[in-house]
Amino acid sequence: MKKTLLALAVAAASVSTVASAATIYKDDTSTLNMGGRVEVRANFSDANKTDTDDNIYNDASRVRLNLGGEQKLNDDVSFIGFTEFELTENSDPVGDDTKINTRYLYAGVNSQTYGALTYGHQDNAFTYLTNFTDMAEVFSGYINENNVATSDRANNVLRYAFNTEKLTIQASVQGDSDSDGNDVTQNADGFGVIGAYKLTDSLEFGLGYAQTDANASGSDVNGTGDNDTYTAALRYTNEGLLLAATYEGGTISRTSSDESDFNAADAYAGYTFGDNNVNMTYNYYKADESSFNNLNVNNIALEYARYFGNATVYGAYAFNLLSDSDATTVGNGTAKTEDEFQVGFRYAF
């Protein structure tokens, strides 16, 4: 699950146990915060088997560390910077046993009146809407990862964000940008724009459009195709209840001769009571052309999470609904249509 600062703000409204970063320095004009998490996770699925390994268990543990700072220029304008890295264990026993991934690395300026302008490795404008449904601990937030301009995070992103009590507007542009997604989200130029409006205190509706070129080979001299994504998102909150749905459609491509239309949907229904949360998610992504079967997703997941201050324990089961004809295959020709079960323990600081 990919939680951003905006998503944490939403989650904090219904889950009082979301940890805040600790302030390690503060004076009249400057603040420096540090935070992170240690999270051990175990995934059990036949999908973890390979031609050489018959083990259904996969360790998905990780550590995240972040630093964020703000310096006030005046009562309206501040300079801001934020960085976060994720560390995981490398499965290669003969190499370095730690892999480091940059999740965020950006800086910019924030105005209480005119909004924020930031540049670096950060969320796209689209992330505001896709976070409506990307709220589960495990099985949510799949459908937007196949376009650089809609994925949760990408590098070389210039983003503008403006919001009032009811209206949110964001726009982002990328140049030669890679995302944290897959081979269709590399070396791309593009843009995205979203608008969201709170119809009531409980109901928010948003629309968005994004476009990038595609270059799966990683070479700028090769032919590129177009990735077009449009979305509509709806979120309803009422005390501990959160209901949200996102629809996406458009065109996905690797090159100018390898393209496909697609349709996608994401849904989240969760209820928080006391220190507990139960939720159900639905994730669907279907490309028309079989050459993109490795991107297809169709599952329903059930999850329970228990919060103990900064600590969280959770478990989730995902029912894979993909047919053999819509799923990609592993080396032995078997379709990847297996269910998944994942448990985890997280300590945030």
Protein backbone atom coordinates (compact mmCIF):
# COMPACT_ATOMS: atom_id res chain seq x y z
CA MET A 1 0.00 0.00 0.00
CA LYS A 2 1.22 3.28 -0.93
CA LYS A 3 0.37 6.00 1.74
CA THR A 4 1.21 9.61 0.91
CA LEU A 5 1.03 12.75 3.01
CA LEU A 6 -2.40 13.50 1.55
CA ALA A 7 -3.64 10.00 2.26
CA LEU A 8 -2.37 10.19 5.81
CA ALA A 9 -4.39 13.33 6.34
CA VAL A 10 -7.52 11.49 5.25
CA ALA A 11 -6.68 8.43 7.33
CA ALA A 12 -6.03 10.52 10.41
CA ALA A 13 -9.63 11.70 10.33
CA SER A 14 -10.88 8.16 10.93
CA VAL A 15 -7.90 6.41 12.58
CA SER A 16 -6.55 8.34 15.52
CA THR A 17 -3.50 6.10 15.84
CA VAL A 18 -1.67 7.27 12.71
CA ALA A 19 1.84 8.13 13.88
CA SER A 20 3.26 11.61 13.37
CA ALA A 21 6.86 12.35 12.60
CA ALA A 22 8.92 13.55 15.54
CA THR A 23 10.18 17.12 15.57
CA ILE A 24 13.95 17.02 16.04
CA TYR A 25 14.58 20.75 15.59
CA LYS A 26 12.38 23.83 15.81
CA ASP A 27 12.89 27.58 16.15
CA ASP A 28 10.89 30.68 15.21
CA THR A 29 11.20 30.09 11.45
CA SER A 30 12.40 26.50 10.86
CA THR A 31 11.15 23.00 11.64
CA LEU A 32 12.83 19.65 10.95
CA ASN A 33 10.88 16.40 11.36
CA MET A 34 12.00 12.77 11.20
CA GLY A 35 9.83 9.68 10.88
CA GLY A 36 9.54 6.23 9.39
CA ARG A 37 8.40 2.67 9.94
CA VAL A 38 9.67 -0.83 10.45
CA GLU A 39 7.28 -3.33 8.89
CA VAL A 40 7.58 -7.11 8.76
CA ARG A 41 5.25 -8.77 6.24
CA ALA A 42 4.69 -12.34 5.15
CA ASN A 43 2.88 -13.24 1.91
CA PHE A 44 1.54 -16.74 1.22
CA SER A 45 0.46 -17.70 -2.30
CA ASP A 46 1.09 -20.27 -4.98
CA ALA A 47 2.00 -17.26 -7.13
CA ASN A 48 5.31 -17.14 -5.22
CA LYS A 49 6.38 -20.47 -6.69
CA THR A 50 8.90 -20.54 -9.53
CA ASP A 51 10.41 -23.23 -11.76
CA THR A 52 13.22 -23.67 -9.24
CA ASP A 53 11.48 -22.85 -5.94
CA ASP A 54 8.31 -24.54 -4.72
CA ASN A 55 7.93 -22.30 -1.65
CA ILE A 56 4.60 -20.44 -1.31
CA TYR A 57 6.07 -18.03 1.29
CA ASN A 58 7.57 -14.68 0.38
CA ASP A 59 9.00 -12.17 2.83
CA ALA A 60 7.88 -8.61 2.01
CA SER A 61 9.40 -6.78 4.99
CA ARG A 62 10.63 -3.21 4.65
CA VAL A 63 11.97 -0.16 6.48
CA ARG A 64 11.13 3.43 5.59
CA LEU A 65 12.99 6.51 6.85
CA ASN A 66 12.07 10.10 6.10
CA LEU A 67 13.14 13.67 6.82
CA GLY A 68 11.06 16.76 6.17
CA GLY A 69 11.72 20.42 6.80
CA GLU A 70 10.06 23.81 6.51
CA GLN A 71 11.49 27.32 6.71
CA LYS A 72 9.11 30.28 6.89
CA LEU A 73 9.89 33.24 4.68
CA ASN A 74 6.93 35.18 6.07
CA ASP A 75 3.45 34.48 7.41
CA ASP A 76 2.30 33.26 3.98
CA VAL A 77 5.28 31.65 2.23
CA SER A 78 7.49 28.75 3.33
CA PHE A 79 10.28 26.74 1.72
CA ILE A 80 9.80 22.97 2.11
CA GLY A 81 11.77 19.79 1.49
CA PHE A 82 11.05 16.11 2.03
CA THR A 83 12.84 12.83 1.39
CA GLU A 84 11.99 9.20 2.14
CA PHE A 85 13.90 6.00 1.40
CA GLU A 86 12.75 2.39 1.62
CA LEU A 87 15.13 -0.42 2.53
CA THR A 88 14.42 -4.08 1.81
CA GLU A 89 16.51 -7.22 2.00
CA ASN A 90 18.16 -8.37 -1.19
CA SER A 91 17.44 -12.02 -1.97
CA ASP A 92 20.84 -12.41 -3.65
CA PRO A 93 22.99 -14.17 -1.01
CA VAL A 94 26.31 -13.26 -2.65
CA GLY A 95 25.66 -9.53 -3.09
CA ASP A 96 24.80 -6.63 -0.85
CA ASP A 97 21.94 -7.76 1.39
CA THR A 98 20.17 -4.37 1.40
CA LYS A 99 18.29 -2.71 -1.46
CA ILE A 100 17.52 1.02 -1.22
CA ASN A 101 14.66 2.65 -3.11
CA THR A 102 13.94 6.37 -3.30
CA ARG A 103 10.27 7.02 -2.56
CA TYR A 104 10.39 10.79 -2.19
CA LEU A 105 13.02 13.45 -2.79
CA TYR A 106 11.59 16.88 -3.51
CA ALA A 107 11.69 20.53 -2.50
CA GLY A 108 9.74 23.65 -3.26
CA VAL A 109 7.73 26.55 -1.97
CA ASN A 110 4.36 26.62 -0.25
CA SER A 111 2.00 29.57 -0.02
CA GLN A 112 -1.08 29.55 2.20
CA THR A 113 -2.74 31.81 -0.39
CA TYR A 114 -1.54 30.56 -3.77
CA GLY A 115 -0.71 26.87 -3.21
CA ALA A 116 2.45 24.75 -3.37
CA LEU A 117 4.98 24.29 -6.18
CA THR A 118 7.44 21.39 -5.76
CA TYR A 119 9.94 19.53 -7.93
CA GLY A 120 11.61 16.13 -7.60
CA HIS A 121 10.68 12.50 -6.92
CA GLN A 122 7.14 12.83 -5.61
CA ASP A 123 3.45 12.10 -6.06
CA ASN A 124 1.75 13.07 -9.30
CA ALA A 125 -1.33 15.27 -9.40
CA PHE A 126 -3.36 12.09 -10.08
CA THR A 127 -2.35 10.66 -6.71
CA TYR A 128 -4.85 12.86 -4.91
CA LEU A 129 -7.74 11.04 -6.62
CA THR A 130 -6.30 7.52 -6.63
CA ASN A 131 -5.78 7.80 -2.87
CA PHE A 132 -9.55 7.86 -2.48
CA THR A 133 -9.46 4.07 -2.80
CA ASP A 134 -5.81 3.28 -1.94
CA MET A 135 -6.58 3.05 1.77
CA ALA A 136 -6.13 -0.64 2.68
CA GLU A 137 -3.01 -1.88 4.42
CA VAL A 138 -2.31 -4.37 1.63
CA PHE A 139 -4.53 -5.01 -1.38
CA SER A 140 -5.44 -1.61 -2.84
CA GLY A 141 -3.98 0.92 -5.25
CA TYR A 142 -3.12 -1.22 -8.29
CA ILE A 143 -4.88 0.31 -11.27
CA ASN A 144 -2.97 3.60 -11.62
CA GLU A 145 0.59 2.21 -11.81
CA ASN A 146 0.77 1.75 -15.61
CA ASN A 147 1.22 5.40 -16.61
CA VAL A 148 4.04 7.64 -15.37
CA ALA A 149 1.62 10.55 -14.96
CA THR A 150 -0.88 8.54 -12.88
CA SER A 151 1.43 6.38 -10.76
CA ASP A 152 1.85 7.14 -7.08
CA ARG A 153 5.40 8.41 -7.41
CA ALA A 154 7.75 9.37 -10.22
CA ASN A 155 10.98 11.31 -10.58
CA ASN A 156 11.51 14.58 -12.46
CA VAL A 157 8.01 15.75 -11.51
CA LEU A 158 7.02 19.41 -11.25
CA ARG A 159 3.73 19.66 -9.35
CA TYR A 160 1.41 22.50 -8.44
CA ALA A 161 -1.26 21.96 -5.77
CA PHE A 162 -3.95 24.38 -4.66
CA ASN A 163 -6.82 23.75 -2.30
CA THR A 164 -9.55 25.57 -0.45
CA GLU A 165 -12.03 24.19 2.05
CA LYS A 166 -14.02 22.57 -0.78
CA LEU A 167 -11.92 22.75 -3.98
CA THR A 168 -8.67 20.94 -4.83
CA ILE A 169 -6.75 21.53 -8.07
CA GLN A 170 -3.44 19.86 -8.94
CA ALA A 171 -1.31 19.69 -12.07
CA SER A 172 2.00 17.93 -12.72
CA VAL A 173 4.44 17.56 -15.62
CA GLN A 174 7.25 15.06 -16.19
CA GLY A 175 10.40 15.13 -18.25
CA ASP A 176 12.27 11.89 -19.06
CA SER A 177 10.58 10.47 -16.00
CA ASP A 178 10.51 6.97 -14.47
CA SER A 179 7.88 5.82 -12.00
CA ASP A 180 7.83 3.11 -9.35
CA GLY A 181 5.64 1.02 -11.67
CA ASN A 182 6.74 -1.30 -14.49
CA ASP A 183 8.22 -1.41 -17.98
CA VAL A 184 5.52 0.82 -19.49
CA THR A 185 6.35 3.67 -17.12
CA GLN A 186 9.95 4.47 -18.03
CA ASN A 187 11.64 7.40 -19.78
CA ALA A 188 8.40 9.26 -20.36
CA ASP A 189 7.39 12.86 -20.89
CA GLY A 190 3.87 13.87 -19.96
CA PHE A 191 1.42 15.70 -17.76
CA GLY A 192 -1.62 15.21 -15.56
CA VAL A 193 -4.33 17.45 -14.14
CA ILE A 194 -7.11 16.82 -11.61
CA GLY A 195 -9.92 18.72 -9.96
CA ALA A 196 -11.94 17.66 -6.93
CA TYR A 197 -14.83 19.31 -5.14
CA LYS A 198 -16.50 18.56 -1.81
CA LEU A 199 -20.21 18.51 -2.56
CA THR A 200 -20.91 18.19 1.17
CA ASP A 201 -18.76 17.73 4.26
CA SER A 202 -18.98 13.96 3.64
CA LEU A 203 -19.00 13.65 -0.16
CA GLU A 204 -16.15 14.54 -2.54
CA PHE A 205 -16.06 14.08 -6.34
CA GLY A 206 -13.10 14.39 -8.69
CA LEU A 207 -12.10 14.18 -12.36
CA GLY A 208 -8.67 13.83 -13.93
CA TYR A 209 -6.77 13.40 -17.20
CA ALA A 210 -3.15 12.38 -17.82
CA GLN A 211 -1.02 11.74 -20.90
CA THR A 212 2.52 10.47 -21.43
CA ASP A 213 4.55 8.89 -24.19
CA ALA A 214 5.78 5.33 -23.61
CA ASN A 215 9.26 3.89 -23.92
CA ALA A 216 9.52 0.45 -22.38
CA SER A 217 13.00 -0.14 -23.84
CA GLY A 218 14.54 2.71 -21.87
CA SER A 219 15.99 4.22 -25.04
CA ASP A 220 14.84 7.66 -26.18
CA VAL A 221 15.69 6.90 -29.82
CA ASN A 222 13.09 4.15 -30.12
CA GLY A 223 9.51 4.80 -31.24
CA THR A 224 7.00 5.68 -28.55
CA GLY A 225 3.26 5.33 -28.19
CA ASP A 226 0.75 7.28 -26.16
CA ASN A 227 -0.62 6.60 -22.72
CA ASP A 228 -3.92 8.40 -22.12
CA THR A 229 -5.77 8.01 -18.84
CA TYR A 230 -8.96 9.67 -17.69
CA THR A 231 -10.53 9.10 -14.31
CA ALA A 232 -13.54 9.80 -12.14
CA ALA A 233 -13.42 9.32 -8.37
CA LEU A 234 -15.93 9.55 -5.54
CA ARG A 235 -15.36 9.44 -1.78
CA TYR A 236 -17.85 9.39 1.09
CA THR A 237 -16.87 9.65 4.76
CA ASN A 238 -19.11 9.59 7.81
CA GLU A 239 -17.47 9.13 11.21
CA GLY A 240 -15.81 5.68 10.95
CA LEU A 241 -17.26 4.82 7.54
CA LEU A 242 -15.26 5.34 4.34
CA LEU A 243 -16.67 4.41 0.92
CA ALA A 244 -14.77 5.23 -2.27
CA ALA A 245 -14.70 4.28 -5.94
CA THR A 246 -12.39 5.16 -8.83
CA TYR A 247 -12.83 4.49 -12.55
CA GLU A 248 -10.06 4.76 -15.13
CA GLY A 249 -10.01 4.25 -18.87
CA GLY A 250 -7.83 5.08 -21.85
CA THR A 251 -4.89 3.74 -23.85
CA ILE A 252 -1.79 1.86 -22.66
CA SER A 253 1.31 1.34 -24.81
CA ARG A 254 4.92 0.16 -24.78
CA THR A 255 5.83 1.39 -28.26
CA SER A 256 4.00 2.98 -31.17
CA SER A 257 3.14 -0.51 -32.49
CA ASP A 258 2.25 -2.13 -29.14
CA GLU A 259 -0.85 -0.38 -27.81
CA SER A 260 -4.14 -1.33 -26.20
CA ASP A 261 -7.28 0.25 -24.79
CA PHE A 262 -8.03 -0.52 -21.15
CA ASN A 263 -10.69 -0.14 -18.48
CA ALA A 264 -10.07 -0.18 -14.74
CA ALA A 265 -11.95 0.23 -11.48
CA ASP A 266 -10.99 0.46 -7.82
CA ALA A 267 -13.30 0.37 -4.81
CA TYR A 268 -12.85 0.57 -1.05
CA ALA A 269 -15.40 0.03 1.74
CA GLY A 270 -14.04 0.33 5.26
CA TYR A 271 -15.27 0.88 8.79
CA THR A 272 -13.16 2.01 11.73
CA PHE A 273 -14.44 1.34 15.24
CA GLY A 274 -12.26 2.14 18.22
CA ASP A 275 -8.77 0.88 17.36
CA ASN A 276 -10.03 -1.55 14.72
CA ASN A 277 -10.56 -1.33 10.99
CA VAL A 278 -12.29 -3.80 8.68
CA ASN A 279 -12.43 -3.23 4.95
CA MET A 280 -13.16 -4.80 1.60
CA THR A 281 -11.46 -3.75 -1.64
CA TYR A 282 -12.04 -4.47 -5.30
CA ASN A 283 -9.32 -4.04 -7.94
CA TYR A 284 -9.93 -4.44 -11.68
CA TYR A 285 -7.68 -3.65 -14.66
CA LYS A 286 -8.29 -5.13 -18.12
CA ALA A 287 -6.34 -4.34 -21.29
CA ASP A 288 -7.99 -5.33 -24.58
CA GLU A 289 -4.81 -6.76 -26.13
CA SER A 290 -3.38 -10.01 -24.75
CA SER A 291 0.19 -8.65 -24.99
CA PHE A 292 -0.65 -6.62 -21.86
CA ASN A 293 -2.04 -9.56 -19.85
CA ASN A 294 0.74 -9.13 -17.29
CA LEU A 295 -0.95 -5.88 -16.21
CA ASN A 296 -4.44 -7.35 -15.73
CA VAL A 297 -5.87 -7.42 -12.21
CA ASN A 298 -9.19 -8.73 -10.92
CA ASN A 299 -9.55 -9.43 -7.20
CA ILE A 300 -11.65 -8.91 -4.10
CA ALA A 301 -9.85 -8.63 -0.75
CA LEU A 302 -10.95 -8.71 2.88
CA GLU A 303 -8.81 -7.15 5.62
CA TYR A 304 -8.69 -6.59 9.36
CA ALA A 305 -6.28 -4.20 11.11
CA ARG A 306 -5.75 -3.49 14.83
CA TYR A 307 -3.98 -0.34 15.98
CA PHE A 308 -1.96 -0.07 19.20
CA GLY A 309 -0.70 3.50 19.23
CA ASN A 310 2.22 3.52 16.80
CA ALA A 311 1.99 -0.25 16.22
CA THR A 312 -0.34 -1.99 13.77
CA VAL A 313 -1.18 -5.66 13.21
CA TYR A 314 -3.12 -6.68 10.11
CA GLY A 315 -4.12 -9.59 7.94
CA ALA A 316 -5.70 -9.66 4.48
CA TYR A 317 -6.87 -12.27 1.97
CA ALA A 318 -7.26 -11.54 -1.75
CA PHE A 319 -9.48 -13.71 -3.96
CA ASN A 320 -8.02 -13.73 -7.47
CA LEU A 321 -10.86 -13.58 -10.05
CA LEU A 322 -8.71 -13.56 -13.21
CA SER A 323 -9.51 -16.19 -15.81
CA ASP A 324 -6.68 -18.15 -17.43
CA SER A 325 -7.17 -16.27 -20.69
CA ASP A 326 -6.75 -12.86 -19.03
CA ALA A 327 -3.79 -13.72 -16.80
CA THR A 328 -0.09 -13.78 -17.56
CA THR A 329 1.80 -17.07 -17.24
CA VAL A 330 4.92 -18.11 -15.37
CA GLY A 331 7.81 -20.04 -16.88
CA ASN A 332 6.06 -23.41 -16.75
CA GLY A 333 3.04 -22.05 -18.66
CA THR A 334 0.74 -21.89 -15.63
CA ALA A 335 -1.59 -18.88 -15.47
CA LYS A 336 -1.12 -16.58 -12.48
CA THR A 337 -4.61 -16.83 -11.00
CA GLU A 338 -3.74 -17.71 -7.41
CA ASP A 339 -5.19 -16.18 -4.24
CA GLU A 340 -2.97 -14.37 -1.72
CA PHE A 341 -2.85 -14.13 2.06
CA GLN A 342 -0.69 -11.55 3.80
CA VAL A 343 -0.06 -10.69 7.45
CA GLY A 344 2.04 -7.89 8.83
CA PHE A 345 3.21 -5.96 11.86
CA ARG A 346 4.27 -2.33 11.59
CA TYR A 347 5.87 0.02 14.10
CA ALA A 348 5.81 3.65 12.98
CA PHE A 349 7.79 6.50 14.52
